[in-house]
Amino acid sequence: MAIKIIVPNKNFNGFRGGFKFMNGIAIVEDEEKGREFAKHFGYEIEEDKTPKDESGEQVEKKTATSRKRATKKKE
């Protein structure tokens, strides 16, 4: 399971310690390395509960949208 490393600056985008951060969050597959890095710098850790498919890739959650079709009444 992956973990999220969260830095205090929520606007941080870049690399630190070999991890890519977007909006202050890095998703790390190597839990041991990620936890060690976060502990060293005092960063917050959160379990990443994003669903994954069989290959381990994150599955994007799709939202259902409903559209009402405009219909004209026949006279």
C-alpha atoms as a PDB file:
ATOM      1  CA  MET A   1       0.000   0.000   0.000  1.00  0.00           C
ATOM      2  CA  ALA A   2       1.211   3.503  -0.747  1.00  0.00           C
ATOM      3  CA  ILE A   3       1.452   6.395   1.667  1.00  0.00           C
ATOM      4  CA  LYS A   4       1.024  10.126   1.279  1.00  0.00           C
ATOM      5  CA  ILE A   5       3.723  12.442   2.585  1.00  0.00           C
ATOM      6  CA  ILE A   6       2.288  15.852   3.379  1.00  0.00           C
ATOM      7  CA  VAL A   7       4.542  18.908   3.779  1.00  0.00           C
ATOM      8  CA  PRO A   8       3.494  22.048   5.696  1.00  0.00           C
ATOM      9  CA  ASN A   9       3.493  24.194   2.535  1.00  0.00           C
ATOM     10  CA  LYS A  10       0.296  23.107   0.753  1.00  0.00           C
ATOM     11  CA  ASN A  11       1.420  25.014  -2.378  1.00  0.00           C
ATOM     12  CA  PHE A  12       4.730  23.149  -2.769  1.00  0.00           C
ATOM     13  CA  ASN A  13       5.184  21.621  -6.217  1.00  0.00           C
ATOM     14  CA  GLY A  14       8.526  20.002  -6.930  1.00  0.00           C
ATOM     15  CA  PHE A  15      10.940  17.275  -5.938  1.00  0.00           C
ATOM     16  CA  ARG A  16      12.359  16.665  -2.494  1.00  0.00           C
ATOM     17  CA  GLY A  17      14.231  13.547  -1.453  1.00  0.00           C
ATOM     18  CA  GLY A  18      13.481  11.946  -4.808  1.00  0.00           C
ATOM     19  CA  PHE A  19       9.719  12.256  -4.331  1.00  0.00           C
ATOM     20  CA  LYS A  20       7.471  14.375  -6.534  1.00  0.00           C
ATOM     21  CA  PHE A  21       5.174  16.703  -4.611  1.00  0.00           C
ATOM     22  CA  MET A  22       2.040  18.292  -6.035  1.00  0.00           C
ATOM     23  CA  ASN A  23       0.167  20.764  -3.836  1.00  0.00           C
ATOM     24  CA  GLY A  24       2.249  19.669  -0.841  1.00  0.00           C
ATOM     25  CA  ILE A  25       1.541  15.947  -1.228  1.00  0.00           C
ATOM     26  CA  ALA A  26       3.676  13.083  -2.547  1.00  0.00           C
ATOM     27  CA  ILE A  27       2.285   9.588  -3.074  1.00  0.00           C
ATOM     28  CA  VAL A  28       5.016   7.074  -2.273  1.00  0.00           C
ATOM     29  CA  GLU A  29       4.897   3.372  -3.128  1.00  0.00           C
ATOM     30  CA  ASP A  30       7.997   2.448  -1.074  1.00  0.00           C
ATOM     31  CA  GLU A  31       6.479   2.826   2.391  1.00  0.00           C
ATOM     32  CA  GLU A  32       9.683   2.184   4.313  1.00  0.00           C
ATOM     33  CA  LYS A  33      11.664   4.801   2.394  1.00  0.00           C
ATOM     34  CA  GLY A  34       8.771   7.269   2.531  1.00  0.00           C
ATOM     35  CA  ARG A  35       8.263   6.867   6.274  1.00  0.00           C
ATOM     36  CA  GLU A  36      11.984   7.291   6.936  1.00  0.00           C
ATOM     37  CA  PHE A  37      12.077  10.461   4.802  1.00  0.00           C
ATOM     38  CA  ALA A  38       8.962  11.932   6.471  1.00  0.00           C
ATOM     39  CA  LYS A  39      10.238  11.137   9.964  1.00  0.00           C
ATOM     40  CA  HIS A  40      13.596  12.790   9.244  1.00  0.00           C
ATOM     41  CA  PHE A  41      11.943  16.062   8.181  1.00  0.00           C
ATOM     42  CA  GLY A  42       8.935  15.878  10.517  1.00  0.00           C
ATOM     43  CA  TYR A  43       6.372  15.611   7.715  1.00  0.00           C
ATOM     44  CA  GLU A  44       2.887  14.192   8.138  1.00  0.00           C
ATOM     45  CA  ILE A  45       2.081  10.716   6.794  1.00  0.00           C
ATOM     46  CA  GLU A  46      -1.316   9.479   5.677  1.00  0.00           C
ATOM     47  CA  GLU A  47      -2.328   6.093   4.304  1.00  0.00           C
ATOM     48  CA  ASP A  48      -3.222   6.323   0.604  1.00  0.00           C
ATOM     49  CA  LYS A  49      -6.551   4.555   0.212  1.00  0.00           C
ATOM     50  CA  THR A  50      -6.970   5.334  -3.478  1.00  0.00           C
ATOM     51  CA  PRO A  51      -8.277   2.204  -5.216  1.00  0.00           C
ATOM     52  CA  LYS A  52      -5.869   0.444  -7.553  1.00  0.00           C
ATOM     53  CA  ASP A  53      -6.464  -1.904 -10.488  1.00  0.00           C
ATOM     54  CA  GLU A  54      -4.793  -5.296 -11.047  1.00  0.00           C
ATOM     55  CA  SER A  55      -1.576  -3.697 -12.365  1.00  0.00           C
ATOM     56  CA  GLY A  56      -1.273  -1.436  -9.317  1.00  0.00           C
ATOM     57  CA  GLU A  57      -2.272   1.729 -11.163  1.00  0.00           C
ATOM     58  CA  GLN A  58      -4.589   4.151  -9.408  1.00  0.00           C
ATOM     59  CA  VAL A  59      -8.176   3.951 -10.562  1.00  0.00           C
ATOM     60  CA  GLU A  60      -9.837   7.274 -11.179  1.00  0.00           C
ATOM     61  CA  LYS A  61     -13.200   7.557  -9.551  1.00  0.00           C
ATOM     62  CA  LYS A  62     -15.784   8.390 -12.166  1.00  0.00           C
ATOM     63  CA  THR A  63     -18.880  10.218 -11.180  1.00  0.00           C
ATOM     64  CA  ALA A  64     -22.170   9.471 -12.800  1.00  0.00           C
ATOM     65  CA  THR A  65     -23.839  12.382 -14.439  1.00  0.00           C
ATOM     66  CA  SER A  66     -27.382  12.412 -15.542  1.00  0.00           C
ATOM     67  CA  ARG A  67     -28.624  14.507 -18.374  1.00  0.00           C
ATOM     68  CA  LYS A  68     -32.212  15.160 -19.096  1.00  0.00           C
ATOM     69  CA  ARG A  69     -32.912  15.183 -22.761  1.00  0.00           C
ATOM     70  CA  ALA A  70     -35.196  17.946 -23.901  1.00  0.00           C
ATOM     71  CA  THR A  71     -38.062  16.474 -25.818  1.00  0.00           C
ATOM     72  CA  LYS A  72     -40.718  18.264 -27.726  1.00  0.00           C
ATOM     73  CA  LYS A  73     -44.241  17.067 -27.440  1.00  0.00           C
ATOM     74  CA  LYS A  74     -45.819  16.116 -30.703  1.00  0.00           C
ATOM     75  CA  GLU A  75     -49.136  17.759 -31.289  1.00  0.00           C
END
